[in-house]
PDB file of N, CA and C in Angstrom:
ATOM      1  N   THR A   1     -11.172  -2.522 -21.481  1.00  0.00           N
ATOM      2  CA  THR A   1     -11.538  -1.921 -20.227  1.00  0.00           C
ATOM      3  C   THR A   1     -11.106  -2.798 -19.059  1.00  0.00           C
ATOM      4  N   ILE A   2     -11.286  -4.098 -19.203  1.00  0.00           N
ATOM      5  CA  ILE A   2     -10.907  -5.010 -18.120  1.00  0.00           C
ATOM      6  C   ILE A   2      -9.404  -4.973 -17.898  1.00  0.00           C
ATOM      7  N   LEU A   3      -8.628  -4.887 -18.978  1.00  0.00           N
ATOM      8  CA  LEU A   3      -7.173  -4.814 -18.847  1.00  0.00           C
ATOM      9  C   LEU A   3      -6.756  -3.562 -18.085  1.00  0.00           C
ATOM     10  N   VAL A   4      -7.374  -2.431 -18.388  1.00  0.00           N
ATOM     11  CA  VAL A   4      -7.049  -1.186 -17.689  1.00  0.00           C
ATOM     12  C   VAL A   4      -7.431  -1.286 -16.211  1.00  0.00           C
ATOM     13  N   LEU A   5      -8.596  -1.837 -15.913  1.00  0.00           N
ATOM     14  CA  LEU A   5      -9.005  -1.995 -14.513  1.00  0.00           C
ATOM     15  C   LEU A   5      -8.082  -2.949 -13.765  1.00  0.00           C
ATOM     16  N   PHE A   6      -7.710  -4.037 -14.414  1.00  0.00           N
ATOM     17  CA  PHE A   6      -6.795  -4.991 -13.789  1.00  0.00           C
ATOM     18  C   PHE A   6      -5.451  -4.330 -13.509  1.00  0.00           C
ATOM     19  N   PHE A   7      -4.954  -3.571 -14.466  1.00  0.00           N
ATOM     20  CA  PHE A   7      -3.676  -2.885 -14.315  1.00  0.00           C
ATOM     21  C   PHE A   7      -3.738  -1.837 -13.212  1.00  0.00           C
ATOM     22  N   ALA A   8      -4.868  -1.154 -13.110  1.00  0.00           N
ATOM     23  CA  ALA A   8      -4.997  -0.087 -12.117  1.00  0.00           C
ATOM     24  C   ALA A   8      -5.029  -0.615 -10.691  1.00  0.00           C
ATOM     25  N   PHE A   9      -5.579  -1.791 -10.484  1.00  0.00           N
ATOM     26  CA  PHE A   9      -5.758  -2.292  -9.128  1.00  0.00           C
ATOM     27  C   PHE A   9      -4.847  -3.471  -8.787  1.00  0.00           C
ATOM     28  N   THR A  10      -3.737  -3.613  -9.477  1.00  0.00           N
ATOM     29  CA  THR A  10      -2.777  -4.654  -9.127  1.00  0.00           C
ATOM     30  C   THR A  10      -1.536  -4.021  -8.525  1.00  0.00           C
ATOM     31  N   GLY A  11      -0.752  -4.821  -7.881  1.00  0.00           N
ATOM     32  CA  GLY A  11       0.509  -4.338  -7.329  1.00  0.00           C
ATOM     33  C   GLY A  11       0.514  -4.228  -5.824  1.00  0.00           C
ATOM     34  N   PHE A  12      -0.658  -4.100  -5.199  1.00  0.00           N
ATOM     35  CA  PHE A  12      -0.669  -3.944  -3.752  1.00  0.00           C
ATOM     36  C   PHE A  12      -0.194  -5.205  -3.044  1.00  0.00           C
ATOM     37  N   GLU A  13      -0.288  -6.340  -3.703  1.00  0.00           N
ATOM     38  CA  GLU A  13       0.160  -7.582  -3.086  1.00  0.00           C
ATOM     39  C   GLU A  13       1.677  -7.741  -3.142  1.00  0.00           C
ATOM     40  N   ALA A  14       2.365  -6.895  -3.893  1.00  0.00           N
ATOM     41  CA  ALA A  14       3.824  -6.986  -4.011  1.00  0.00           C
ATOM     42  C   ALA A  14       4.530  -6.667  -2.705  1.00  0.00           C
ATOM     43  N   ILE A  15       3.867  -5.982  -1.803  1.00  0.00           N
ATOM     44  CA  ILE A  15       4.479  -5.647  -0.514  1.00  0.00           C
ATOM     45  C   ILE A  15       4.768  -6.901   0.308  1.00  0.00           C
ATOM     46  N   LEU A  16       4.049  -7.963   0.035  1.00  0.00           N
ATOM     47  CA  LEU A  16       4.233  -9.200   0.803  1.00  0.00           C
ATOM     48  C   LEU A  16       5.581  -9.860   0.537  1.00  0.00           C
ATOM     49  N   VAL A  17       6.241  -9.507  -0.554  1.00  0.00           N
ATOM     50  CA  VAL A  17       7.535 -10.098  -0.887  1.00  0.00           C
ATOM     51  C   VAL A  17       8.577  -9.741   0.164  1.00  0.00           C
ATOM     52  N   SER A  18       8.532  -8.543   0.680  1.00  0.00           N
ATOM     53  CA  SER A  18       9.565  -8.078   1.604  1.00  0.00           C
ATOM     54  C   SER A  18       9.151  -8.150   3.073  1.00  0.00           C
ATOM     55  N   THR A  19       8.151  -8.924   3.406  1.00  0.00           N
ATOM     56  CA  THR A  19       7.684  -8.965   4.791  1.00  0.00           C
ATOM     57  C   THR A  19       8.710  -9.549   5.753  1.00  0.00           C
ATOM     58  N   GLY A  20       9.586 -10.413   5.270  1.00  0.00           N
ATOM     59  CA  GLY A  20      10.598 -10.987   6.144  1.00  0.00           C
ATOM     60  C   GLY A  20      11.626  -9.976   6.614  1.00  0.00           C
ATOM     61  N   GLU A  21      11.756  -8.864   5.922  1.00  0.00           N
ATOM     62  CA  GLU A  21      12.736  -7.845   6.270  1.00  0.00           C
ATOM     63  C   GLU A  21      12.115  -6.653   6.992  1.00  0.00           C
ATOM     64  N   MET A  22      10.826  -6.691   7.244  1.00  0.00           N
ATOM     65  CA  MET A  22      10.136  -5.564   7.874  1.00  0.00           C
ATOM     66  C   MET A  22      10.139  -5.684   9.392  1.00  0.00           C
ATOM     67  N   HIS A  23      10.053  -4.535  10.017  1.00  0.00           N
ATOM     68  CA  HIS A  23       9.881  -4.472  11.467  1.00  0.00           C
ATOM     69  C   HIS A  23       8.383  -4.479  11.749  1.00  0.00           C
ATOM     70  N   GLU A  24       7.894  -5.424  12.484  1.00  0.00           N
ATOM     71  CA  GLU A  24       6.487  -5.592  12.836  1.00  0.00           C
ATOM     72  C   GLU A  24       5.574  -5.671  11.601  1.00  0.00           C
ATOM     73  N   PRO A  25       5.769  -6.672  10.735  1.00  0.00           N
ATOM     74  CA  PRO A  25       4.956  -6.757   9.522  1.00  0.00           C
ATOM     75  C   PRO A  25       3.461  -6.975   9.785  1.00  0.00           C
ATOM     76  N   ARG A  26       3.124  -7.672  10.855  1.00  0.00           N
ATOM     77  CA  ARG A  26       1.696  -7.899  11.146  1.00  0.00           C
ATOM     78  C   ARG A  26       0.960  -6.594  11.449  1.00  0.00           C
ATOM     79  N   LYS A  27       1.666  -5.616  11.933  1.00  0.00           N
ATOM     80  CA  LYS A  27       1.069  -4.317  12.240  1.00  0.00           C
ATOM     81  C   LYS A  27       1.175  -3.365  11.050  1.00  0.00           C
ATOM     82  N   ASN A  28       2.334  -3.337  10.407  1.00  0.00           N
ATOM     83  CA  ASN A  28       2.603  -2.332   9.378  1.00  0.00           C
ATOM     84  C   ASN A  28       1.967  -2.643   8.027  1.00  0.00           C
ATOM     85  N   ILE A  29       1.895  -3.915   7.626  1.00  0.00           N
ATOM     86  CA  ILE A  29       1.357  -4.242   6.307  1.00  0.00           C
ATOM     87  C   ILE A  29      -0.125  -3.904   6.183  1.00  0.00           C
ATOM     88  N   PRO A  30      -0.972  -4.316   7.116  1.00  0.00           N
ATOM     89  CA  PRO A  30      -2.385  -3.924   6.975  1.00  0.00           C
ATOM     90  C   PRO A  30      -2.578  -2.410   6.955  1.00  0.00           C
ATOM     91  N   PHE A  31      -1.843  -1.698   7.782  1.00  0.00           N
ATOM     92  CA  PHE A  31      -1.941  -0.236   7.805  1.00  0.00           C
ATOM     93  C   PHE A  31      -1.531   0.356   6.452  1.00  0.00           C
ATOM     94  N   ALA A  32      -0.402  -0.124   5.926  1.00  0.00           N
ATOM     95  CA  ALA A  32       0.081   0.389   4.640  1.00  0.00           C
ATOM     96  C   ALA A  32      -0.892   0.066   3.509  1.00  0.00           C
ATOM     97  N   LEU A  33      -1.463  -1.125   3.506  1.00  0.00           N
ATOM     98  CA  LEU A  33      -2.416  -1.499   2.459  1.00  0.00           C
ATOM     99  C   LEU A  33      -3.682  -0.648   2.518  1.00  0.00           C
ATOM    100  N   VAL A  34      -4.194  -0.431   3.719  1.00  0.00           N
ATOM    101  CA  VAL A  34      -5.413   0.368   3.854  1.00  0.00           C
ATOM    102  C   VAL A  34      -5.160   1.811   3.426  1.00  0.00           C
ATOM    103  N   ILE A  35      -4.070   2.392   3.872  1.00  0.00           N
ATOM    104  CA  ILE A  35      -3.742   3.779   3.492  1.00  0.00           C
ATOM    105  C   ILE A  35      -3.529   3.890   1.985  1.00  0.00           C
ATOM    106  N   ALA A  36      -2.806   2.935   1.405  1.00  0.00           N
ATOM    107  CA  ALA A  36      -2.561   2.958  -0.044  1.00  0.00           C
ATOM    108  C   ALA A  36      -3.870   2.844  -0.816  1.00  0.00           C
ATOM    109  N   MET A  37      -4.757   1.967  -0.391  1.00  0.00           N
ATOM    110  CA  MET A  37      -6.032   1.805  -1.096  1.00  0.00           C
ATOM    111  C   MET A  37      -6.909   3.054  -0.969  1.00  0.00           C
ATOM    112  N   ILE A  38      -6.876   3.708   0.178  1.00  0.00           N
ATOM    113  CA  ILE A  38      -7.642   4.951   0.347  1.00  0.00           C
ATOM    114  C   ILE A  38      -7.100   6.042  -0.569  1.00  0.00           C
ATOM    115  N   ILE A  39      -5.788   6.198  -0.613  1.00  0.00           N
ATOM    116  CA  ILE A  39      -5.176   7.219  -1.467  1.00  0.00           C
ATOM    117  C   ILE A  39      -5.476   6.934  -2.931  1.00  0.00           C
ATOM    118  N   ILE A  40      -5.352   5.684  -3.343  1.00  0.00           N
ATOM    119  CA  ILE A  40      -5.611   5.319  -4.743  1.00  0.00           C
ATOM    120  C   ILE A  40      -7.083   5.552  -5.090  1.00  0.00           C
ATOM    121  N   ALA A  41      -7.997   5.177  -4.191  1.00  0.00           N
ATOM    122  CA  ALA A  41      -9.422   5.388  -4.454  1.00  0.00           C
ATOM    123  C   ALA A  41      -9.745   6.876  -4.577  1.00  0.00           C
ATOM    124  N   LEU A  42      -9.165   7.698  -3.713  1.00  0.00           N
ATOM    125  CA  LEU A  42      -9.381   9.150  -3.812  1.00  0.00           C
ATOM    126  C   LEU A  42      -8.802   9.712  -5.109  1.00  0.00           C
ATOM    127  N   PHE A  43      -7.629   9.227  -5.492  1.00  0.00           N
ATOM    128  CA  PHE A  43      -6.980   9.690  -6.719  1.00  0.00           C
ATOM    129  C   PHE A  43      -7.827   9.327  -7.947  1.00  0.00           C
ATOM    130  N   TYR A  44      -8.219   8.052  -8.059  1.00  0.00           N
ATOM    131  CA  TYR A  44      -9.035   7.636  -9.196  1.00  0.00           C
ATOM    132  C   TYR A  44     -10.409   8.291  -9.169  1.00  0.00           C
ATOM    133  N   GLY A  45     -11.000   8.438  -7.982  1.00  0.00           N
ATOM    134  CA  GLY A  45     -12.289   9.114  -7.883  1.00  0.00           C
ATOM    135  C   GLY A  45     -12.219  10.567  -8.332  1.00  0.00           C
ATOM    136  N   SER A  46     -11.135  11.239  -7.981  1.00  0.00           N
ATOM    137  CA  SER A  46     -10.948  12.629  -8.410  1.00  0.00           C
ATOM    138  C   SER A  46     -10.802  12.724  -9.923  1.00  0.00           C
ATOM    139  N   ILE A  47     -10.045  11.808 -10.494  1.00  0.00           N
ATOM    140  CA  ILE A  47      -9.879  11.802 -11.950  1.00  0.00           C
ATOM    141  C   ILE A  47     -11.222  11.581 -12.637  1.00  0.00           C
ATOM    142  N   LEU A  48     -12.004  10.625 -12.158  1.00  0.00           N
ATOM    143  CA  LEU A  48     -13.314  10.355 -12.756  1.00  0.00           C
ATOM    144  C   LEU A  48     -14.262  11.539 -12.583  1.00  0.00           C
ATOM    145  N   TYR A  49     -14.226  12.163 -11.429  1.00  0.00           N
ATOM    146  CA  TYR A  49     -15.080  13.328 -11.177  1.00  0.00           C
ATOM    147  C   TYR A  49     -14.782  14.453 -12.167  1.00  0.00           C
ATOM    148  N   VAL A  50     -13.511  14.721 -12.371  1.00  0.00           N
ATOM    149  CA  VAL A  50     -13.120  15.775 -13.314  1.00  0.00           C
ATOM    150  C   VAL A  50     -13.481  15.381 -14.737  1.00  0.00           C
ATOM    151  N   CYS A  51     -13.221  14.140 -15.117  1.00  0.00           N
ATOM    152  CA  CYS A  51     -13.531  13.692 -16.478  1.00  0.00           C
ATOM    153  C   CYS A  51     -15.023  13.760 -16.770  1.00  0.00           C
ATOM    154  N   ILE A  52     -15.836  13.317 -15.820  1.00  0.00           N
ATOM    155  CA  ILE A  52     -17.292  13.350 -16.021  1.00  0.00           C
ATOM    156  C   ILE A  52     -17.798  14.788 -16.080  1.00  0.00           C
ATOM    157  N   GLY A  53     -17.219  15.668 -15.275  1.00  0.00           N
ATOM    158  CA  GLY A  53     -17.652  17.057 -15.271  1.00  0.00           C
ATOM    159  C   GLY A  53     -17.236  17.835 -16.508  1.00  0.00           C
ATOM    160  N   ILE A  54     -16.105  17.497 -17.079  1.00  0.00           N
ATOM    161  CA  ILE A  54     -15.586  18.260 -18.211  1.00  0.00           C
ATOM    162  C   ILE A  54     -16.002  17.681 -19.554  1.00  0.00           C
ATOM    163  N   LEU A  55     -16.036  16.369 -19.656  1.00  0.00           N
ATOM    164  CA  LEU A  55     -16.239  15.709 -20.944  1.00  0.00           C
ATOM    165  C   LEU A  55     -17.632  15.091 -21.001  1.00  0.00           C
ATOM    166  N   PRO A  56     -18.583  15.771 -21.643  1.00  0.00           N
ATOM    167  CA  PRO A  56     -19.948  15.239 -21.683  1.00  0.00           C
ATOM    168  C   PRO A  56     -20.081  13.957 -22.511  1.00  0.00           C
ATOM    169  N   THR A  57     -19.197  13.743 -23.445  1.00  0.00           N
ATOM    170  CA  THR A  57     -19.243  12.537 -24.289  1.00  0.00           C
ATOM    171  C   THR A  57     -18.254  11.491 -23.789  1.00  0.00           C
ATOM    172  N   LEU A  58     -18.141  11.353 -22.493  1.00  0.00           N
ATOM    173  CA  LEU A  58     -17.171  10.442 -21.891  1.00  0.00           C
ATOM    174  C   LEU A  58     -17.382   8.995 -22.321  1.00  0.00           C
ATOM    175  N   ALA A  59     -18.614   8.551 -22.416  1.00  0.00           N
ATOM    176  CA  ALA A  59     -18.899   7.158 -22.760  1.00  0.00           C
ATOM    177  C   ALA A  59     -18.473   6.816 -24.180  1.00  0.00           C
ATOM    178  N   ASN A  60     -18.438   7.782 -25.069  1.00  0.00           N
ATOM    179  CA  ASN A  60     -18.087   7.521 -26.469  1.00  0.00           C
ATOM    180  C   ASN A  60     -16.622   7.805 -26.771  1.00  0.00           C
ATOM    181  N   SER A  61     -15.850   8.168 -25.778  1.00  0.00           N
ATOM    182  CA  SER A  61     -14.459   8.548 -25.989  1.00  0.00           C
ATOM    183  C   SER A  61     -13.537   7.338 -25.899  1.00  0.00           C
ATOM    184  N   SER A  62     -12.548   7.288 -26.780  1.00  0.00           N
ATOM    185  CA  SER A  62     -11.559   6.205 -26.721  1.00  0.00           C
ATOM    186  C   SER A  62     -10.410   6.557 -25.784  1.00  0.00           C
ATOM    187  N   GLN A  63     -10.192   7.849 -25.520  1.00  0.00           N
ATOM    188  CA  GLN A  63      -9.150   8.323 -24.609  1.00  0.00           C
ATOM    189  C   GLN A  63      -9.743   9.394 -23.695  1.00  0.00           C
ATOM    190  N   PRO A  64     -10.597   8.995 -22.747  1.00  0.00           N
ATOM    191  CA  PRO A  64     -11.341  10.000 -21.975  1.00  0.00           C
ATOM    192  C   PRO A  64     -10.477  10.888 -21.097  1.00  0.00           C
ATOM    193  N   VAL A  65      -9.469  10.346 -20.439  1.00  0.00           N
ATOM    194  CA  VAL A  65      -8.654  11.170 -19.547  1.00  0.00           C
ATOM    195  C   VAL A  65      -7.832  12.170 -20.349  1.00  0.00           C
ATOM    196  N   THR A  66      -7.277  11.720 -21.464  1.00  0.00           N
ATOM    197  CA  THR A  66      -6.488  12.614 -22.314  1.00  0.00           C
ATOM    198  C   THR A  66      -7.356  13.713 -22.905  1.00  0.00           C
ATOM    199  N   GLU A  67      -8.541  13.356 -23.375  1.00  0.00           N
ATOM    200  CA  GLU A  67      -9.438  14.362 -23.948  1.00  0.00           C
ATOM    201  C   GLU A  67      -9.916  15.354 -22.886  1.00  0.00           C
ATOM    202  N   ALA A  68     -10.186  14.874 -21.693  1.00  0.00           N
ATOM    203  CA  ALA A  68     -10.594  15.783 -20.609  1.00  0.00           C
ATOM    204  C   ALA A  68      -9.451  16.715 -20.242  1.00  0.00           C
ATOM    205  N   ALA A  69      -8.225  16.194 -20.191  1.00  0.00           N
ATOM    206  CA  ALA A  69      -7.075  17.047 -19.888  1.00  0.00           C
ATOM    207  C   ALA A  69      -6.869  18.089 -20.975  1.00  0.00           C
ATOM    208  N   GLN A  70      -7.112  17.703 -22.222  1.00  0.00           N
ATOM    209  CA  GLN A  70      -6.961  18.666 -23.321  1.00  0.00           C
ATOM    210  C   GLN A  70      -8.006  19.774 -23.206  1.00  0.00           C
ATOM    211  N   LEU A  71      -9.243  19.426 -22.856  1.00  0.00           N
ATOM    212  CA  LEU A  71     -10.274  20.455 -22.688  1.00  0.00           C
ATOM    213  C   LEU A  71     -10.009  21.325 -21.469  1.00  0.00           C
ATOM    214  N   PHE A  72      -9.486  20.728 -20.411  1.00  0.00           N
ATOM    215  CA  PHE A  72      -9.280  21.429 -19.150  1.00  0.00           C
ATOM    216  C   PHE A  72      -8.024  22.288 -19.153  1.00  0.00           C
ATOM    217  N   MET A  73      -6.910  21.741 -19.701  1.00  0.00           N
ATOM    218  CA  MET A  73      -5.614  22.430 -19.638  1.00  0.00           C
ATOM    219  C   MET A  73      -4.960  22.670 -20.993  1.00  0.00           C
ATOM    220  N   GLY A  74      -5.615  22.286 -22.073  1.00  0.00           N
ATOM    221  CA  GLY A  74      -5.038  22.481 -23.393  1.00  0.00           C
ATOM    222  C   GLY A  74      -3.955  21.459 -23.702  1.00  0.00           C
ATOM    223  N   PHE A  75      -3.096  21.800 -24.641  1.00  0.00           N
ATOM    224  CA  PHE A  75      -2.033  20.881 -25.063  1.00  0.00           C
ATOM    225  C   PHE A  75      -1.087  20.501 -23.930  1.00  0.00           C
ATOM    226  N   PRO A  76      -0.685  21.442 -23.047  1.00  0.00           N
ATOM    227  CA  PRO A  76       0.184  21.029 -21.928  1.00  0.00           C
ATOM    228  C   PRO A  76      -0.450  19.956 -21.041  1.00  0.00           C
ATOM    229  N   GLY A  77      -1.769  19.988 -20.872  1.00  0.00           N
ATOM    230  CA  GLY A  77      -2.451  18.959 -20.096  1.00  0.00           C
ATOM    231  C   GLY A  77      -2.374  17.603 -20.761  1.00  0.00           C
ATOM    232  N   THR A  78      -2.512  17.593 -22.079  1.00  0.00           N
ATOM    233  CA  THR A  78      -2.396  16.339 -22.818  1.00  0.00           C
ATOM    234  C   THR A  78      -1.004  15.759 -22.673  1.00  0.00           C
ATOM    235  N   VAL A  79       0.008  16.593 -22.787  1.00  0.00           N
ATOM    236  CA  VAL A  79       1.389  16.131 -22.635  1.00  0.00           C
ATOM    237  C   VAL A  79       1.628  15.633 -21.209  1.00  0.00           C
ATOM    238  N   MET A  80       1.109  16.347 -20.221  1.00  0.00           N
ATOM    239  CA  MET A  80       1.295  15.961 -18.828  1.00  0.00           C
ATOM    240  C   MET A  80       0.652  14.594 -18.550  1.00  0.00           C
ATOM    241  N   ILE A  81      -0.556  14.370 -19.043  1.00  0.00           N
ATOM    242  CA  ILE A  81      -1.237  13.089 -18.842  1.00  0.00           C
ATOM    243  C   ILE A  81      -0.477  11.975 -19.552  1.00  0.00           C
ATOM    244  N   THR A  82       0.001  12.225 -20.741  1.00  0.00           N
ATOM    245  CA  THR A  82       0.754  11.210 -21.484  1.00  0.00           C
ATOM    246  C   THR A  82       2.045  10.843 -20.771  1.00  0.00           C
ATOM    247  N   ILE A  83       2.791  11.838 -20.308  1.00  0.00           N
ATOM    248  CA  ILE A  83       4.036  11.572 -19.578  1.00  0.00           C
ATOM    249  C   ILE A  83       3.737  10.852 -18.266  1.00  0.00           C
ATOM    250  N   GLY A  84       2.686  11.258 -17.573  1.00  0.00           N
ATOM    251  CA  GLY A  84       2.303  10.579 -16.339  1.00  0.00           C
ATOM    252  C   GLY A  84       1.944   9.122 -16.575  1.00  0.00           C
ATOM    253  N   ALA A  85       1.241   8.843 -17.663  1.00  0.00           N
ATOM    254  CA  ALA A  85       0.883   7.456 -17.988  1.00  0.00           C
ATOM    255  C   ALA A  85       2.119   6.625 -18.296  1.00  0.00           C
ATOM    256  N   VAL A  86       3.063   7.204 -19.030  1.00  0.00           N
ATOM    257  CA  VAL A  86       4.301   6.481 -19.343  1.00  0.00           C
ATOM    258  C   VAL A  86       5.085   6.167 -18.075  1.00  0.00           C
ATOM    259  N   PHE A  87       5.204   7.147 -17.172  1.00  0.00           N
ATOM    260  CA  PHE A  87       5.909   6.902 -15.906  1.00  0.00           C
ATOM    261  C   PHE A  87       5.182   5.860 -15.049  1.00  0.00           C
ATOM    262  N   SER A  88       3.869   5.928 -15.026  1.00  0.00           N
ATOM    263  CA  SER A  88       3.090   4.981 -14.235  1.00  0.00           C
ATOM    264  C   SER A  88       3.259   3.554 -14.747  1.00  0.00           C
ATOM    265  N   VAL A  89       3.106   3.384 -16.029  1.00  0.00           N
ATOM    266  CA  VAL A  89       3.249   2.048 -16.621  1.00  0.00           C
ATOM    267  C   VAL A  89       4.677   1.551 -16.469  1.00  0.00           C
ATOM    268  N   SER A  90       5.653   2.426 -16.712  1.00  0.00           N
ATOM    269  CA  SER A  90       7.064   2.022 -16.587  1.00  0.00           C
ATOM    270  C   SER A  90       7.408   1.634 -15.159  1.00  0.00           C
ATOM    271  N   GLY A  91       6.939   2.406 -14.193  1.00  0.00           N
ATOM    272  CA  GLY A  91       7.216   2.091 -12.794  1.00  0.00           C
ATOM    273  C   GLY A  91       6.598   0.778 -12.359  1.00  0.00           C
ATOM    274  N   THR A  92       5.363   0.540 -12.799  1.00  0.00           N
ATOM    275  CA  THR A  92       4.705  -0.703 -12.446  1.00  0.00           C
ATOM    276  C   THR A  92       5.388  -1.888 -13.093  1.00  0.00           C
ATOM    277  N   LEU A  93       5.700  -1.779 -14.367  1.00  0.00           N
ATOM    278  CA  LEU A  93       6.382  -2.880 -15.051  1.00  0.00           C
ATOM    279  C   LEU A  93       7.765  -3.129 -14.456  1.00  0.00           C
ATOM    280  N   ASN A  94       8.459  -2.072 -14.069  1.00  0.00           N
ATOM    281  CA  ASN A  94       9.771  -2.217 -13.443  1.00  0.00           C
ATOM    282  C   ASN A  94       9.668  -2.961 -12.114  1.00  0.00           C
ATOM    283  N   SER A  95       8.672  -2.631 -11.319  1.00  0.00           N
ATOM    284  CA  SER A  95       8.530  -3.302 -10.030  1.00  0.00           C
ATOM    285  C   SER A  95       8.071  -4.749 -10.177  1.00  0.00           C
ATOM    286  N   VAL A  96       7.280  -5.024 -11.191  1.00  0.00           N
ATOM    287  CA  VAL A  96       6.818  -6.384 -11.424  1.00  0.00           C
ATOM    288  C   VAL A  96       7.960  -7.274 -11.910  1.00  0.00           C
ATOM    289  N   MET A  97       8.808  -6.695 -12.728  1.00  0.00           N
ATOM    290  CA  MET A  97       9.942  -7.495 -13.264  1.00  0.00           C
ATOM    291  C   MET A  97      10.979  -7.696 -12.195  1.00  0.00           C
TER     292      MET A  97
END
């Protein structure tokens, strides 16, 4: 669980690498970080809201988002969540490397 939480909330500090090439970094970086954190919090909050509402056995599930997507959208939902997770992990690992 800690690994997933760490992975979910890392990466926002990577914007500091390119600050030397930005126009007005003192103004733009805080704005971009705040907006990004708000969007991410809304996105994760929405996912949790749907998972808690659909999957009553959420605490005992080993794959809660996938199981909720399967109950909510059937097999296409499971495939969509799996592909989204692969793209998310790949994009993050690509940017970190």
